[in-house]
Protein backbone atom coordinates (compact mmCIF):
# COMPACT_ATOMS: atom_id res chain seq x y z
CA MET A 1 -12.42 16.32 -0.90
CA LYS A 2 -9.04 15.02 -2.07
CA ILE A 3 -8.33 11.23 -1.93
CA ASP A 4 -5.07 9.29 -2.75
CA LEU A 5 -5.53 6.08 -5.13
CA ASN A 6 -2.41 3.97 -4.76
CA SER A 7 -1.25 0.73 -6.00
CA ASP A 8 1.73 -1.95 -5.18
CA MET A 9 3.68 -1.82 -8.31
CA GLY A 10 6.86 -3.06 -10.03
CA GLU A 11 6.18 -6.87 -7.93
CA GLY A 12 7.43 -8.69 -10.94
CA PHE A 13 11.02 -9.27 -11.75
CA GLY A 14 13.10 -9.57 -14.78
CA PRO A 15 11.07 -10.32 -17.88
CA TYR A 16 8.03 -11.32 -15.32
CA ARG A 17 5.29 -8.81 -14.79
CA LEU A 18 2.02 -9.07 -12.79
CA CYS A 19 0.07 -6.44 -14.26
CA ASP A 20 0.53 -3.34 -17.01
CA ASP A 21 2.61 -1.20 -14.75
CA GLU A 22 2.86 1.86 -17.43
CA ALA A 23 -1.24 1.80 -17.82
CA MET A 24 -1.48 1.64 -14.08
CA MET A 25 0.67 4.32 -13.29
CA LYS A 26 -1.69 6.62 -15.26
CA ILE A 27 -4.58 5.80 -13.11
CA VAL A 28 -3.18 6.14 -9.56
CA SER A 29 -1.81 9.18 -7.63
CA SER A 30 0.63 6.79 -5.54
CA ALA A 31 2.92 3.94 -6.19
CA ASN A 32 4.23 1.66 -3.77
CA ILE A 33 7.09 0.06 -5.40
CA ALA A 34 8.43 -3.35 -4.81
CA CYS A 35 11.98 -3.29 -3.27
CA GLY A 36 13.48 -6.54 -4.34
CA PHE A 37 12.73 -8.99 -1.77
CA HIS A 38 8.87 -10.40 -2.11
CA GLY A 39 9.03 -8.94 -5.67
CA GLY A 40 10.82 -6.30 -7.85
CA ASP A 41 14.59 -6.11 -8.90
CA PRO A 42 16.98 -3.07 -9.28
CA GLU A 43 16.02 -2.70 -13.18
CA THR A 44 12.24 -3.06 -12.10
CA MET A 45 12.41 -0.48 -9.31
CA GLY A 46 14.17 2.24 -11.70
CA ARG A 47 11.23 1.79 -14.30
CA MET A 48 8.91 2.44 -11.66
CA VAL A 49 10.57 5.66 -10.48
CA ARG A 50 11.13 6.72 -13.75
CA LEU A 51 7.52 6.06 -14.67
CA ALA A 52 6.12 7.81 -11.38
CA LYS A 53 8.10 10.59 -12.26
CA GLN A 54 6.92 10.83 -15.79
CA ASN A 55 3.25 11.00 -14.44
CA GLY A 56 3.66 12.84 -11.43
CA VAL A 57 2.85 10.05 -9.16
CA GLY A 58 4.15 9.71 -5.44
CA ILE A 59 6.66 7.21 -4.76
CA GLY A 60 6.51 4.87 -1.97
CA ALA A 61 8.60 2.05 -0.65
CA HIS A 62 6.71 -1.42 -0.51
CA PRO A 63 9.32 -3.64 1.62
CA GLY A 64 8.40 -7.39 2.16
CA LEU A 65 9.88 -10.57 3.55
CA PRO A 66 12.94 -12.37 1.20
CA ASP A 67 10.39 -14.53 -0.14
CA ARG A 68 9.52 -14.71 -3.86
CA LEU A 69 8.15 -17.80 -4.20
CA GLY A 70 5.72 -17.27 -1.59
CA PHE A 71 5.52 -13.82 -3.00
CA GLY A 72 5.70 -12.31 0.72
CA ARG A 73 2.70 -13.87 1.94
CA ARG A 74 4.11 -16.44 4.04
CA GLU A 75 5.24 -15.42 7.69
CA ILE A 76 8.78 -16.42 8.37
CA PRO A 77 10.01 -16.24 12.08
CA PHE A 78 12.86 -13.39 11.84
CA GLN A 79 14.11 -12.02 15.13
CA ALA A 80 13.05 -8.39 15.39
CA ASP A 81 16.28 -6.72 14.39
CA GLU A 82 16.35 -9.19 11.13
CA LEU A 83 13.00 -7.54 9.96
CA ARG A 84 14.42 -3.70 10.82
CA GLN A 85 17.35 -4.48 8.75
CA GLN A 86 15.48 -5.92 5.93
CA MET A 87 13.19 -3.01 6.09
CA LEU A 88 16.02 -0.91 5.88
CA TYR A 89 18.07 -2.77 3.16
CA GLN A 90 14.85 -2.22 0.89
CA LEU A 91 13.95 1.32 1.75
CA GLY A 92 17.43 2.63 1.33
CA ALA A 93 17.72 0.88 -2.12
CA LEU A 94 14.43 3.04 -3.63
CA MET A 95 15.92 6.00 -1.92
CA ALA A 96 19.22 5.74 -3.76
CA ILE A 97 17.47 4.91 -7.05
CA ALA A 98 14.68 7.66 -6.68
CA LYS A 99 17.70 10.02 -5.88
CA VAL A 100 19.43 9.47 -8.85
CA GLU A 101 16.37 10.29 -10.73
CA GLN A 102 15.91 13.45 -8.71
CA VAL A 103 12.59 12.58 -7.05
CA THR A 104 11.66 11.76 -3.63
CA VAL A 105 10.64 8.73 -1.75
CA SER A 106 7.73 10.26 0.26
CA HIS A 107 5.76 7.01 1.82
CA ILE A 108 6.26 3.62 3.10
CA SER A 109 3.98 0.63 2.77
CA PHE A 110 4.76 -3.06 4.47
CA HIS A 111 3.81 -5.77 2.16
CA ALA A 112 1.55 -8.66 3.65
CA ALA A 113 3.24 -10.62 5.79
CA MET A 114 6.09 -8.13 6.86
CA GLY A 115 3.04 -6.07 7.74
CA ASN A 116 1.02 -8.44 9.50
CA MET A 117 4.05 -9.24 11.82
CA VAL A 118 4.43 -5.63 12.56
CA ASN A 119 1.27 -4.92 13.44
CA ARG A 120 0.85 -7.68 15.81
CA ASP A 121 3.79 -6.60 18.09
CA PRO A 122 3.84 -3.28 19.59
CA VAL A 123 7.73 -3.55 20.36
CA LEU A 124 8.17 -4.49 17.03
CA ALA A 125 6.16 -1.60 15.27
CA ASP A 126 8.10 0.84 17.77
CA LEU A 127 11.42 -0.63 16.53
CA MET A 128 10.56 -0.12 13.06
CA MET A 129 8.97 3.46 13.24
CA ASP A 130 12.07 4.50 15.21
CA ALA A 131 14.08 3.30 12.27
CA ILE A 132 12.10 5.03 9.49
CA GLU A 133 12.17 7.98 11.90
CA THR A 134 15.69 8.18 11.85
CA VAL A 135 16.17 7.54 8.19
CA ASP A 136 13.46 10.40 7.13
CA PRO A 137 11.15 11.79 9.55
CA SER A 138 9.18 13.10 6.86
CA LEU A 139 7.98 9.77 5.36
CA VAL A 140 4.07 8.93 5.24
CA VAL A 141 3.64 5.40 7.04
CA PHE A 142 0.30 4.05 5.08
CA VAL A 143 -1.60 1.95 8.03
CA THR A 144 -4.73 0.44 8.80
CA SER A 145 -6.85 2.91 10.91
CA GLY A 146 -6.38 1.78 15.01
CA SER A 147 -3.54 -0.46 14.15
CA GLU A 148 -0.27 -1.34 16.02
CA ILE A 149 1.58 0.48 13.02
CA GLU A 150 -0.61 3.47 13.19
CA GLN A 151 -0.10 3.82 16.96
CA ALA A 152 3.69 3.10 16.70
CA ALA A 153 3.98 5.72 13.82
CA LYS A 154 2.45 8.29 15.75
CA ARG A 155 4.48 7.81 18.79
CA ALA A 156 7.56 7.89 16.50
CA ARG A 157 5.74 11.09 15.46
CA LEU A 158 5.53 10.18 11.70
CA LYS A 159 2.76 11.20 9.54
CA THR A 160 0.35 8.59 8.71
CA LEU A 161 -2.20 7.98 5.90
CA ALA A 162 -5.34 5.34 6.92
CA LEU A 163 -6.13 2.84 3.73
CA PHE A 164 -9.12 1.53 2.41
CA LEU A 165 -8.76 -1.76 0.49
CA ALA A 166 -11.17 -1.51 -2.52
CA ASP A 167 -10.71 -5.11 -3.56
CA ARG A 168 -10.35 -6.81 0.14
CA ALA A 169 -13.32 -7.86 1.98
CA TYR A 170 -13.37 -6.65 6.00
CA ASP A 171 -15.06 -8.54 8.91
CA ALA A 172 -17.11 -6.84 11.52
CA GLY A 173 -13.76 -5.91 13.34
CA GLY A 174 -12.57 -3.87 10.42
CA ARG A 175 -9.62 -6.79 9.96
CA LEU A 176 -8.88 -8.11 6.36
CA VAL A 177 -10.74 -11.50 5.48
CA ALA A 178 -7.88 -13.87 5.33
CA ARG A 179 -6.76 -14.58 1.54
CA GLY A 180 -7.62 -18.18 1.29
CA LEU A 181 -11.59 -17.75 2.81
CA PRO A 182 -14.53 -17.45 0.17
CA GLY A 183 -15.23 -14.15 -0.56
CA ALA A 184 -11.97 -12.39 0.72
CA VAL A 185 -10.93 -10.99 -2.49
CA ILE A 186 -13.24 -8.75 -4.46
CA LYS A 187 -12.82 -9.19 -8.18
CA ASP A 188 -16.50 -8.20 -9.70
CA GLU A 189 -16.65 -4.83 -11.14
CA ALA A 190 -20.36 -4.15 -9.91
CA ALA A 191 -19.02 -4.95 -6.11
CA VAL A 192 -15.72 -2.82 -6.32
CA ARG A 193 -17.87 0.32 -7.66
CA ALA A 194 -20.27 -0.17 -4.84
CA ARG A 195 -18.11 -0.35 -2.19
CA VAL A 196 -16.01 2.57 -3.27
CA ARG A 197 -19.24 4.64 -3.79
CA LYS A 198 -20.37 3.82 -0.34
CA PHE A 199 -17.13 4.97 1.39
CA LEU A 200 -16.49 7.99 -0.67
CA LEU A 201 -20.20 8.97 0.46
CA ASP A 202 -20.32 8.04 3.98
CA GLY A 203 -17.01 6.77 5.06
CA SER A 204 -18.30 3.06 5.39
CA VAL A 205 -17.79 -0.17 3.97
CA GLU A 206 -20.04 -3.34 4.12
CA THR A 207 -18.43 -6.49 5.92
CA ILE A 208 -18.38 -9.99 4.63
CA ASP A 209 -21.23 -10.91 6.61
CA GLY A 210 -23.75 -8.03 5.10
CA GLY A 211 -23.22 -5.56 8.53
CA VAL A 212 -21.52 -1.91 7.96
CA ILE A 213 -18.68 -0.51 9.81
CA ALA A 214 -17.05 2.97 9.94
CA MET A 215 -13.82 3.10 7.43
CA PRO A 216 -11.58 6.43 8.21
CA ALA A 217 -9.44 6.54 5.47
CA ARG A 218 -8.11 8.86 3.15
CA SER A 219 -6.44 6.49 0.60
CA ILE A 220 -7.76 3.54 -1.87
CA LEU A 221 -5.34 0.50 -2.68
CA VAL A 222 -5.85 -1.58 -5.36
CA HIS A 223 -3.68 -4.72 -5.72
CA SER A 224 -2.05 -5.04 -8.84
CA ASP A 225 -1.58 -8.80 -8.36
CA THR A 226 -5.53 -8.82 -8.17
CA PRO A 227 -6.98 -10.37 -11.47
CA GLY A 228 -8.29 -7.35 -13.61
CA ALA A 229 -6.41 -4.91 -11.38
CA LEU A 230 -6.15 -2.67 -14.03
CA GLU A 231 -9.79 -2.56 -14.70
CA LEU A 232 -10.53 -2.23 -11.07
CA ALA A 233 -8.42 0.82 -10.53
CA GLY A 234 -9.91 2.69 -13.50
CA ILE A 235 -13.46 1.76 -11.58
CA VAL A 236 -12.39 3.31 -8.58
CA ARG A 237 -10.77 6.46 -10.16
CA GLY A 238 -13.78 7.06 -12.04
CA GLU A 239 -16.10 6.61 -8.84
CA ILE A 240 -13.78 9.20 -7.27
CA GLU A 241 -14.27 11.72 -10.03
CA ALA A 242 -17.96 10.84 -10.29
CA THR A 243 -18.33 11.97 -6.58
CA GLY A 244 -16.27 14.95 -7.26
CA ALA A 245 -13.29 14.20 -5.50
CA THR A 246 -10.08 14.84 -6.75
CA LEU A 247 -6.89 12.73 -6.33
CA ALA A 248 -3.65 13.86 -4.48
CA PRO A 249 -0.67 11.84 -3.50
CA ALA A 250 -0.16 10.62 -0.26
CA ALA A 251 2.34 13.35 0.98
CA GLU A 252 -0.57 16.04 0.29
CA LEU A 253 -2.85 14.23 2.65
CA ALA A 254 -1.19 12.58 5.48
CA GLU A 255 -1.59 13.41 9.01
């Protein structure tokens, strides 16, 4: 079995960095690169693209809301067209930087509040997906299985790849537990290892209340801003290899 391991990367700016991007790039198969709004800047984006190219890692855009102080996790009441323009601005910037480095942006993964807002509104989701399809119909959209973004991407005839978040808790409905709640972010090495192994072996995950739900995904996400993210990513990769699976970038696995 082939599986993608991805991380949100380049989310610092200027001299500030959230994790060791250079080391993380040697572990993952796909990188979701912050595009300058919630994190990132032109120099950081260029460095991420070059690192991905050097390591054979798939490149994706990771657009978010223009809110550095809130790290793109606070919802801001933008109009639908404003959100579309913000997404296009960020995607276009990364595509230009990647083209100069002679590589291609292969996927897009919404960050935090922007993704939440799109996922709640099928009209907004269609607006976003239609714009992405117009820019590049070959782009893969990272999704949560069964989400509005997934359904809209399919309506726009875009390929999708479903995510499993190794370091985040799920509720019984398959939704992510809000970050502010106890147990929402999973940092314990043994817990992450067990979750990933269960996902790889039987395609399921234990929920925060102890139940078990199906997790139909082909890509595992480790957030670079989770404490100990580099170590967690190494654990996830180790479990992937231990089960006999092989890493592959998103573009090879999308449907």
